[in-house]
């Protein structure tokens, strides 16, 4: 019963395909295509926007800053943070 696989491909090929799919997904998360697509944490968001942690947390609760939970840690896309900062303070570029 341990080796029962209902698939038209053999076990080794199935394992390789699953492993390749996992590697592909992980590469897309950990290696952003551009610098602005990188994920950053709250301290970096605070520094980038020049705002306090309380302000960042308020903006998270309001949904103004979209958070991304990865392995129970909170991250933000740098591009989304920059866009949000421009919306709150249109004079900054």
PDB file of N, CA and C in Angstrom:
ATOM      1  N   UNK A   1       0.818  -1.191   0.000  1.00  0.00           N
ATOM      2  CA  UNK A   1       0.000   0.000   0.000  1.00  0.00           C
ATOM      3  C   UNK A   1       0.868   1.263   0.000  1.00  0.00           C
ATOM      4  N   UNK A   2       2.081   1.176   0.524  1.00  0.00           N
ATOM      5  CA  UNK A   2       2.982   2.319   0.624  1.00  0.00           C
ATOM      6  C   UNK A   2       3.407   2.863  -0.736  1.00  0.00           C
ATOM      7  N   UNK A   3       3.490   1.992  -1.755  1.00  0.00           N
ATOM      8  CA  UNK A   3       3.962   2.404  -3.074  1.00  0.00           C
ATOM      9  C   UNK A   3       2.833   2.597  -4.074  1.00  0.00           C
ATOM     10  N   UNK A   4       1.587   2.675  -3.637  1.00  0.00           N
ATOM     11  CA  UNK A   4       0.455   2.821  -4.536  1.00  0.00           C
ATOM     12  C   UNK A   4       0.334   4.266  -5.015  1.00  0.00           C
ATOM     13  N   UNK A   5       0.506   4.469  -6.326  1.00  0.00           N
ATOM     14  CA  UNK A   5       0.365   5.779  -6.945  1.00  0.00           C
ATOM     15  C   UNK A   5      -0.549   5.623  -8.146  1.00  0.00           C
ATOM     16  N   UNK A   6      -1.618   6.394  -8.180  1.00  0.00           N
ATOM     17  CA  UNK A   6      -2.555   6.340  -9.295  1.00  0.00           C
ATOM     18  C   UNK A   6      -2.186   7.417 -10.308  1.00  0.00           C
ATOM     19  N   UNK A   7      -1.191   7.111 -11.117  1.00  0.00           N
ATOM     20  CA  UNK A   7      -0.682   8.075 -12.072  1.00  0.00           C
ATOM     21  C   UNK A   7      -0.115   7.328 -13.277  1.00  0.00           C
ATOM     22  N   UNK A   8      -0.260   7.898 -14.480  1.00  0.00           N
ATOM     23  CA  UNK A   8       0.303   7.222 -15.657  1.00  0.00           C
ATOM     24  C   UNK A   8       1.832   7.341 -15.757  1.00  0.00           C
ATOM     25  N   UNK A   9       2.463   8.079 -14.832  1.00  0.00           N
ATOM     26  CA  UNK A   9       3.923   8.194 -14.857  1.00  0.00           C
ATOM     27  C   UNK A   9       4.500   7.433 -13.672  1.00  0.00           C
ATOM     28  N   UNK A  10       5.763   7.073 -13.786  1.00  0.00           N
ATOM     29  CA  UNK A  10       6.359   6.296 -12.701  1.00  0.00           C
ATOM     30  C   UNK A  10       6.667   7.176 -11.484  1.00  0.00           C
ATOM     31  N   UNK A  11       6.922   6.536 -10.387  1.00  0.00           N
ATOM     32  CA  UNK A  11       7.127   7.216  -9.102  1.00  0.00           C
ATOM     33  C   UNK A  11       8.275   8.215  -9.150  1.00  0.00           C
ATOM     34  N   UNK A  12       9.404   7.844  -9.730  1.00  0.00           N
ATOM     35  CA  UNK A  12      10.573   8.730  -9.803  1.00  0.00           C
ATOM     36  C   UNK A  12      10.291   9.994 -10.603  1.00  0.00           C
ATOM     37  N   UNK A  13       9.596   9.831 -11.729  1.00  0.00           N
ATOM     38  CA  UNK A  13       9.262  10.991 -12.557  1.00  0.00           C
ATOM     39  C   UNK A  13       8.289  11.917 -11.822  1.00  0.00           C
ATOM     40  N   UNK A  14       7.314  11.331 -11.119  1.00  0.00           N
ATOM     41  CA  UNK A  14       6.362  12.125 -10.346  1.00  0.00           C
ATOM     42  C   UNK A  14       7.075  12.927  -9.255  1.00  0.00           C
ATOM     43  N   UNK A  15       7.997  12.294  -8.562  1.00  0.00           N
ATOM     44  CA  UNK A  15       8.768  12.982  -7.519  1.00  0.00           C
ATOM     45  C   UNK A  15       9.564  14.132  -8.117  1.00  0.00           C
ATOM     46  N   UNK A  16      10.197  13.908  -9.266  1.00  0.00           N
ATOM     47  CA  UNK A  16      10.969  14.969  -9.925  1.00  0.00           C
ATOM     48  C   UNK A  16      10.078  16.138 -10.341  1.00  0.00           C
ATOM     49  N   UNK A  17       8.907  15.840 -10.872  1.00  0.00           N
ATOM     50  CA  UNK A  17       8.000  16.914 -11.293  1.00  0.00           C
ATOM     51  C   UNK A  17       7.513  17.732 -10.095  1.00  0.00           C
ATOM     52  N   UNK A  18       7.217  17.060  -8.999  1.00  0.00           N
ATOM     53  CA  UNK A  18       6.792  17.773  -7.786  1.00  0.00           C
ATOM     54  C   UNK A  18       7.939  18.637  -7.263  1.00  0.00           C
ATOM     55  N   UNK A  19       9.143  18.090  -7.232  1.00  0.00           N
ATOM     56  CA  UNK A  19      10.301  18.849  -6.755  1.00  0.00           C
ATOM     57  C   UNK A  19      10.557  20.064  -7.632  1.00  0.00           C
ATOM     58  N   UNK A  20      10.452  19.905  -8.955  1.00  0.00           N
ATOM     59  CA  UNK A  20      10.647  21.042  -9.855  1.00  0.00           C
ATOM     60  C   UNK A  20       9.590  22.121  -9.634  1.00  0.00           C
ATOM     61  N   UNK A  21       8.352  21.713  -9.401  1.00  0.00           N
ATOM     62  CA  UNK A  21       7.283  22.678  -9.153  1.00  0.00           C
ATOM     63  C   UNK A  21       7.535  23.450  -7.858  1.00  0.00           C
ATOM     64  N   UNK A  22       8.013  22.769  -6.830  1.00  0.00           N
ATOM     65  CA  UNK A  22       8.312  23.427  -5.546  1.00  0.00           C
ATOM     66  C   UNK A  22       9.460  24.408  -5.711  1.00  0.00           C
ATOM     67  N   UNK A  23      10.512  23.998  -6.395  1.00  0.00           N
ATOM     68  CA  UNK A  23      11.662  24.883  -6.626  1.00  0.00           C
ATOM     69  C   UNK A  23      11.228  26.116  -7.403  1.00  0.00           C
ATOM     70  N   UNK A  24      10.391  25.930  -8.423  1.00  0.00           N
ATOM     71  CA  UNK A  24       9.901  27.054  -9.218  1.00  0.00           C
ATOM     72  C   UNK A  24       9.140  28.049  -8.345  1.00  0.00           C
ATOM     73  N   UNK A  25       8.246  27.554  -7.489  1.00  0.00           N
ATOM     74  CA  UNK A  25       7.469  28.432  -6.598  1.00  0.00           C
ATOM     75  C   UNK A  25       8.381  29.167  -5.625  1.00  0.00           C
ATOM     76  N   UNK A  26       9.331  28.473  -5.037  1.00  0.00           N
ATOM     77  CA  UNK A  26      10.238  29.094  -4.081  1.00  0.00           C
ATOM     78  C   UNK A  26      11.115  30.153  -4.742  1.00  0.00           C
ATOM     79  N   UNK A  27      11.557  29.905  -5.947  1.00  0.00           N
ATOM     80  CA  UNK A  27      12.371  30.891  -6.661  1.00  0.00           C
ATOM     81  C   UNK A  27      11.582  32.154  -6.950  1.00  0.00           C
ATOM     82  N   UNK A  28      10.310  32.015  -7.239  1.00  0.00           N
ATOM     83  CA  UNK A  28       9.480  33.187  -7.508  1.00  0.00           C
ATOM     84  C   UNK A  28       9.248  34.015  -6.251  1.00  0.00           C
ATOM     85  N   UNK A  29       9.254  33.391  -5.097  1.00  0.00           N
ATOM     86  CA  UNK A  29       9.069  34.123  -3.842  1.00  0.00           C
ATOM     87  C   UNK A  29      10.370  34.774  -3.400  1.00  0.00           C
ATOM     88  N   UNK A  30      11.470  34.038  -3.444  1.00  0.00           N
ATOM     89  CA  UNK A  30      12.713  34.532  -2.865  1.00  0.00           C
ATOM     90  C   UNK A  30      13.561  35.373  -3.809  1.00  0.00           C
ATOM     91  N   UNK A  31      13.315  35.313  -5.112  1.00  0.00           N
ATOM     92  CA  UNK A  31      14.107  36.077  -6.064  1.00  0.00           C
ATOM     93  C   UNK A  31      13.191  36.973  -6.890  1.00  0.00           C
ATOM     94  N   UNK A  32      12.923  38.162  -6.415  1.00  0.00           N
ATOM     95  CA  UNK A  32      12.048  39.061  -7.154  1.00  0.00           C
ATOM     96  C   UNK A  32      12.671  39.485  -8.485  1.00  0.00           C
ATOM     97  N   UNK A  33      11.809  39.806  -9.447  1.00  0.00           N
ATOM     98  CA  UNK A  33      12.302  40.149 -10.775  1.00  0.00           C
ATOM     99  C   UNK A  33      12.943  41.530 -10.815  1.00  0.00           C
ATOM    100  N   UNK A  34      12.482  42.448  -9.977  1.00  0.00           N
ATOM    101  CA  UNK A  34      13.086  43.775  -9.923  1.00  0.00           C
ATOM    102  C   UNK A  34      13.316  44.153  -8.468  1.00  0.00           C
ATOM    103  N   UNK A  35      14.109  45.180  -8.260  1.00  0.00           N
ATOM    104  CA  UNK A  35      14.417  45.612  -6.889  1.00  0.00           C
ATOM    105  C   UNK A  35      13.154  46.047  -6.156  1.00  0.00           C
ATOM    106  N   UNK A  36      12.202  46.661  -6.875  1.00  0.00           N
ATOM    107  CA  UNK A  36      10.989  47.132  -6.215  1.00  0.00           C
ATOM    108  C   UNK A  36      10.028  46.003  -5.891  1.00  0.00           C
ATOM    109  N   UNK A  37      10.219  44.810  -6.436  1.00  0.00           N
ATOM    110  CA  UNK A  37       9.350  43.688  -6.136  1.00  0.00           C
ATOM    111  C   UNK A  37       9.853  42.872  -4.941  1.00  0.00           C
ATOM    112  N   UNK A  38      10.912  43.325  -4.319  1.00  0.00           N
ATOM    113  CA  UNK A  38      11.420  42.599  -3.171  1.00  0.00           C
ATOM    114  C   UNK A  38      10.490  42.771  -1.981  1.00  0.00           C
ATOM    115  N   UNK A  39      10.507  41.776  -1.092  1.00  0.00           N
ATOM    116  CA  UNK A  39       9.713  41.832   0.124  1.00  0.00           C
ATOM    117  C   UNK A  39      10.550  42.458   1.237  1.00  0.00           C
ATOM    118  N   UNK A  40       9.926  43.361   1.986  1.00  0.00           N
ATOM    119  CA  UNK A  40      10.616  44.026   3.089  1.00  0.00           C
ATOM    120  C   UNK A  40       9.778  43.905   4.354  1.00  0.00           C
ATOM    121  N   UNK A  41      10.436  44.048   5.504  1.00  0.00           N
ATOM    122  CA  UNK A  41       9.758  43.951   6.796  1.00  0.00           C
ATOM    123  C   UNK A  41       9.406  45.336   7.333  1.00  0.00           C
ATOM    124  N   UNK A  42       8.682  45.366   8.429  1.00  0.00           N
ATOM    125  CA  UNK A  42       8.172  46.613   9.003  1.00  0.00           C
ATOM    126  C   UNK A  42       9.269  47.650   9.273  1.00  0.00           C
ATOM    127  N   UNK A  43      10.409  47.295   9.881  1.00  0.00           N
ATOM    128  CA  UNK A  43      11.432  48.326  10.114  1.00  0.00           C
ATOM    129  C   UNK A  43      11.900  49.015   8.829  1.00  0.00           C
ATOM    130  N   UNK A  44      11.981  48.240   7.748  1.00  0.00           N
ATOM    131  CA  UNK A  44      12.385  48.837   6.469  1.00  0.00           C
ATOM    132  C   UNK A  44      11.286  49.742   5.917  1.00  0.00           C
ATOM    133  N   UNK A  45      10.026  49.349   6.125  1.00  0.00           N
ATOM    134  CA  UNK A  45       8.895  50.182   5.687  1.00  0.00           C
ATOM    135  C   UNK A  45       8.909  51.502   6.459  1.00  0.00           C
ATOM    136  N   UNK A  46       9.150  51.423   7.753  1.00  0.00           N
ATOM    137  CA  UNK A  46       9.214  52.624   8.591  1.00  0.00           C
ATOM    138  C   UNK A  46      10.284  53.579   8.069  1.00  0.00           C
ATOM    139  N   UNK A  47      11.455  53.039   7.780  1.00  0.00           N
ATOM    140  CA  UNK A  47      12.562  53.861   7.301  1.00  0.00           C
ATOM    141  C   UNK A  47      12.258  54.448   5.922  1.00  0.00           C
ATOM    142  N   UNK A  48      11.697  53.629   5.045  1.00  0.00           N
ATOM    143  CA  UNK A  48      11.405  54.047   3.681  1.00  0.00           C
ATOM    144  C   UNK A  48      10.370  55.179   3.640  1.00  0.00           C
ATOM    145  N   UNK A  49       9.349  55.081   4.497  1.00  0.00           N
ATOM    146  CA  UNK A  49       8.279  56.077   4.501  1.00  0.00           C
ATOM    147  C   UNK A  49       8.476  57.184   5.537  1.00  0.00           C
ATOM    148  N   UNK A  50       9.427  56.979   6.443  1.00  0.00           N
ATOM    149  CA  UNK A  50       9.651  57.974   7.487  1.00  0.00           C
ATOM    150  C   UNK A  50       8.474  58.074   8.444  1.00  0.00           C
ATOM    151  N   UNK A  51       7.892  56.925   8.766  1.00  0.00           N
ATOM    152  CA  UNK A  51       6.722  56.873   9.644  1.00  0.00           C
ATOM    153  C   UNK A  51       7.007  55.957  10.832  1.00  0.00           C
ATOM    154  N   UNK A  52       6.236  56.143  11.898  1.00  0.00           N
ATOM    155  CA  UNK A  52       6.406  55.321  13.101  1.00  0.00           C
ATOM    156  C   UNK A  52       5.766  53.951  12.910  1.00  0.00           C
ATOM    157  N   UNK A  53       6.111  53.052  13.813  1.00  0.00           N
ATOM    158  CA  UNK A  53       5.523  51.709  13.779  1.00  0.00           C
ATOM    159  C   UNK A  53       4.014  51.784  13.978  1.00  0.00           C
ATOM    160  N   UNK A  54       3.557  52.691  14.849  1.00  0.00           N
ATOM    161  CA  UNK A  54       2.116  52.839  15.076  1.00  0.00           C
ATOM    162  C   UNK A  54       1.397  53.239  13.793  1.00  0.00           C
ATOM    163  N   UNK A  55       2.001  54.148  13.037  1.00  0.00           N
ATOM    164  CA  UNK A  55       1.395  54.573  11.767  1.00  0.00           C
ATOM    165  C   UNK A  55       1.346  53.416  10.786  1.00  0.00           C
ATOM    166  N   UNK A  56       2.432  52.670  10.687  1.00  0.00           N
ATOM    167  CA  UNK A  56       2.476  51.524   9.772  1.00  0.00           C
ATOM    168  C   UNK A  56       1.417  50.506  10.169  1.00  0.00           C
ATOM    169  N   UNK A  57       1.295  50.228  11.465  1.00  0.00           N
ATOM    170  CA  UNK A  57       0.282  49.278  11.932  1.00  0.00           C
ATOM    171  C   UNK A  57      -1.130  49.780  11.657  1.00  0.00           C
ATOM    172  N   UNK A  58      -1.356  51.076  11.813  1.00  0.00           N
ATOM    173  CA  UNK A  58      -2.674  51.650  11.496  1.00  0.00           C
ATOM    174  C   UNK A  58      -2.985  51.485  10.014  1.00  0.00           C
ATOM    175  N   UNK A  59      -2.003  51.761   9.182  1.00  0.00           N
ATOM    176  CA  UNK A  59      -2.195  51.625   7.738  1.00  0.00           C
ATOM    177  C   UNK A  59      -2.439  50.175   7.344  1.00  0.00           C
ATOM    178  N   UNK A  60      -1.814  49.239   8.064  1.00  0.00           N
ATOM    179  CA  UNK A  60      -2.068  47.811   7.815  1.00  0.00           C
ATOM    180  C   UNK A  60      -3.520  47.477   8.149  1.00  0.00           C
ATOM    181  N   UNK A  61      -3.975  47.933   9.310  1.00  0.00           N
ATOM    182  CA  UNK A  61      -5.344  47.635   9.744  1.00  0.00           C
ATOM    183  C   UNK A  61      -6.380  48.254   8.806  1.00  0.00           C
ATOM    184  N   UNK A  62      -6.073  49.451   8.295  1.00  0.00           N
ATOM    185  CA  UNK A  62      -6.975  50.123   7.355  1.00  0.00           C
ATOM    186  C   UNK A  62      -6.978  49.435   5.991  1.00  0.00           C
ATOM    187  N   UNK A  63      -5.967  48.633   5.732  1.00  0.00           N
ATOM    188  CA  UNK A  63      -5.829  48.002   4.429  1.00  0.00           C
ATOM    189  C   UNK A  63      -5.102  48.880   3.431  1.00  0.00           C
ATOM    190  N   UNK A  64      -4.594  50.002   3.916  1.00  0.00           N
ATOM    191  CA  UNK A  64      -3.865  50.923   3.039  1.00  0.00           C
ATOM    192  C   UNK A  64      -2.536  50.312   2.607  1.00  0.00           C
ATOM    193  N   UNK A  65      -1.869  49.635   3.529  1.00  0.00           N
ATOM    194  CA  UNK A  65      -0.652  48.878   3.202  1.00  0.00           C
ATOM    195  C   UNK A  65      -1.027  47.405   3.161  1.00  0.00           C
ATOM    196  N   UNK A  66      -0.804  46.770   2.026  1.00  0.00           N
ATOM    197  CA  UNK A  66      -1.131  45.356   1.879  1.00  0.00           C
ATOM    198  C   UNK A  66       0.010  44.516   2.415  1.00  0.00           C
ATOM    199  N   UNK A  67      -0.298  43.694   3.398  1.00  0.00           N
ATOM    200  CA  UNK A  67       0.729  42.836   3.990  1.00  0.00           C
ATOM    201  C   UNK A  67       0.683  41.463   3.340  1.00  0.00           C
ATOM    202  N   UNK A  68       1.824  40.801   3.367  1.00  0.00           N
ATOM    203  CA  UNK A  68       1.959  39.450   2.838  1.00  0.00           C
ATOM    204  C   UNK A  68       2.542  38.599   3.967  1.00  0.00           C
ATOM    205  N   UNK A  69       1.823  37.582   4.380  1.00  0.00           N
ATOM    206  CA  UNK A  69       2.276  36.708   5.457  1.00  0.00           C
ATOM    207  C   UNK A  69       3.018  35.523   4.833  1.00  0.00           C
ATOM    208  N   UNK A  70       4.283  35.381   5.195  1.00  0.00           N
ATOM    209  CA  UNK A  70       5.102  34.267   4.716  1.00  0.00           C
ATOM    210  C   UNK A  70       5.745  33.627   5.934  1.00  0.00           C
ATOM    211  N   UNK A  71       5.415  32.357   6.156  1.00  0.00           N
ATOM    212  CA  UNK A  71       5.922  31.624   7.326  1.00  0.00           C
ATOM    213  C   UNK A  71       5.674  32.397   8.621  1.00  0.00           C
ATOM    214  N   UNK A  72       4.487  32.898   8.785  1.00  0.00           N
ATOM    215  CA  UNK A  72       4.015  33.649   9.958  1.00  0.00           C
ATOM    216  C   UNK A  72       4.777  34.957  10.203  1.00  0.00           C
ATOM    217  N   UNK A  73       5.506  35.436   9.206  1.00  0.00           N
ATOM    218  CA  UNK A  73       6.164  36.745   9.289  1.00  0.00           C
ATOM    219  C   UNK A  73       5.466  37.705   8.342  1.00  0.00           C
ATOM    220  N   UNK A  74       5.425  38.984   8.721  1.00  0.00           N
ATOM    221  CA  UNK A  74       4.754  39.999   7.916  1.00  0.00           C
ATOM    222  C   UNK A  74       5.769  40.668   6.991  1.00  0.00           C
ATOM    223  N   UNK A  75       5.452  40.689   5.712  1.00  0.00           N
ATOM    224  CA  UNK A  75       6.280  41.343   4.708  1.00  0.00           C
ATOM    225  C   UNK A  75       5.415  42.280   3.868  1.00  0.00           C
ATOM    226  N   UNK A  76       6.069  43.206   3.198  1.00  0.00           N
ATOM    227  CA  UNK A  76       5.404  44.119   2.287  1.00  0.00           C
ATOM    228  C   UNK A  76       6.203  44.153   0.999  1.00  0.00           C
ATOM    229  N   UNK A  77       5.518  44.302  -0.137  1.00  0.00           N
ATOM    230  CA  UNK A  77       6.229  44.491  -1.395  1.00  0.00           C
ATOM    231  C   UNK A  77       6.707  45.936  -1.442  1.00  0.00           C
ATOM    232  N   UNK A  78       7.978  46.110  -1.753  1.00  0.00           N
ATOM    233  CA  UNK A  78       8.563  47.443  -1.770  1.00  0.00           C
ATOM    234  C   UNK A  78       7.815  48.361  -2.736  1.00  0.00           C
ATOM    235  N   UNK A  79       7.421  47.843  -3.900  1.00  0.00           N
ATOM    236  CA  UNK A  79       6.709  48.668  -4.886  1.00  0.00           C
ATOM    237  C   UNK A  79       5.370  49.147  -4.330  1.00  0.00           C
ATOM    238  N   UNK A  80       4.669  48.292  -3.590  1.00  0.00           N
ATOM    239  CA  UNK A  80       3.380  48.675  -3.005  1.00  0.00           C
ATOM    240  C   UNK A  80       3.569  49.711  -1.898  1.00  0.00           C
ATOM    241  N   UNK A  81       4.641  49.570  -1.138  1.00  0.00           N
ATOM    242  CA  UNK A  81       4.939  50.544  -0.084  1.00  0.00           C
ATOM    243  C   UNK A  81       5.235  51.909  -0.701  1.00  0.00           C
ATOM    244  N   UNK A  82       6.038  51.914  -1.751  1.00  0.00           N
ATOM    245  CA  UNK A  82       6.359  53.178  -2.418  1.00  0.00           C
ATOM    246  C   UNK A  82       5.109  53.829  -2.998  1.00  0.00           C
ATOM    247  N   UNK A  83       4.222  53.040  -3.593  1.00  0.00           N
ATOM    248  CA  UNK A  83       2.963  53.581  -4.130  1.00  0.00           C
ATOM    249  C   UNK A  83       2.102  54.162  -3.016  1.00  0.00           C
ATOM    250  N   UNK A  84       2.008  53.458  -1.899  1.00  0.00           N
ATOM    251  CA  UNK A  84       1.219  53.942  -0.774  1.00  0.00           C
ATOM    252  C   UNK A  84       1.802  55.242  -0.226  1.00  0.00           C
ATOM    253  N   UNK A  85       3.121  55.322  -0.149  1.00  0.00           N
ATOM    254  CA  UNK A  85       3.775  56.536   0.322  1.00  0.00           C
ATOM    255  C   UNK A  85       3.496  57.713  -0.593  1.00  0.00           C
ATOM    256  N   UNK A  86       3.462  57.472  -1.880  1.00  0.00           N
ATOM    257  CA  UNK A  86       3.155  58.542  -2.838  1.00  0.00           C
ATOM    258  C   UNK A  86       1.705  59.008  -2.700  1.00  0.00           C
ATOM    259  N   UNK A  87       0.802  58.081  -2.398  1.00  0.00           N
ATOM    260  CA  UNK A  87      -0.606  58.443  -2.230  1.00  0.00           C
ATOM    261  C   UNK A  87      -0.812  59.285  -0.977  1.00  0.00           C
ATOM    262  N   UNK A  88      -0.122  58.953   0.095  1.00  0.00           N
ATOM    263  CA  UNK A  88      -0.269  59.695   1.361  1.00  0.00           C
ATOM    264  C   UNK A  88       0.441  61.034   1.323  1.00  0.00           C
ATOM    265  N   UNK A  89       1.519  61.107   0.538  1.00  0.00           N
ATOM    266  CA  UNK A  89       2.290  62.355   0.435  1.00  0.00           C
ATOM    267  C   UNK A  89       2.655  62.551  -1.027  1.00  0.00           C
ATOM    268  N   UNK A  90       1.734  63.140  -1.821  1.00  0.00           N
ATOM    269  CA  UNK A  90       1.950  63.226  -3.270  1.00  0.00           C
ATOM    270  C   UNK A  90       3.160  64.055  -3.690  1.00  0.00           C
ATOM    271  N   UNK A  91       3.714  64.880  -2.816  1.00  0.00           N
ATOM    272  CA  UNK A  91       4.879  65.700  -3.190  1.00  0.00           C
ATOM    273  C   UNK A  91       6.153  64.886  -3.270  1.00  0.00           C
ATOM    274  N   UNK A  92       6.225  63.744  -2.533  1.00  0.00           N
ATOM    275  CA  UNK A  92       7.419  62.881  -2.583  1.00  0.00           C
ATOM    276  C   UNK A  92       7.427  62.103  -3.861  1.00  0.00           C
ATOM    277  N   UNK A  93       8.624  61.906  -4.424  1.00  0.00           N
ATOM    278  CA  UNK A  93       8.745  61.144  -5.668  1.00  0.00           C
ATOM    279  C   UNK A  93       9.423  59.839  -5.430  1.00  0.00           C
TER     280      UNK A  93
END
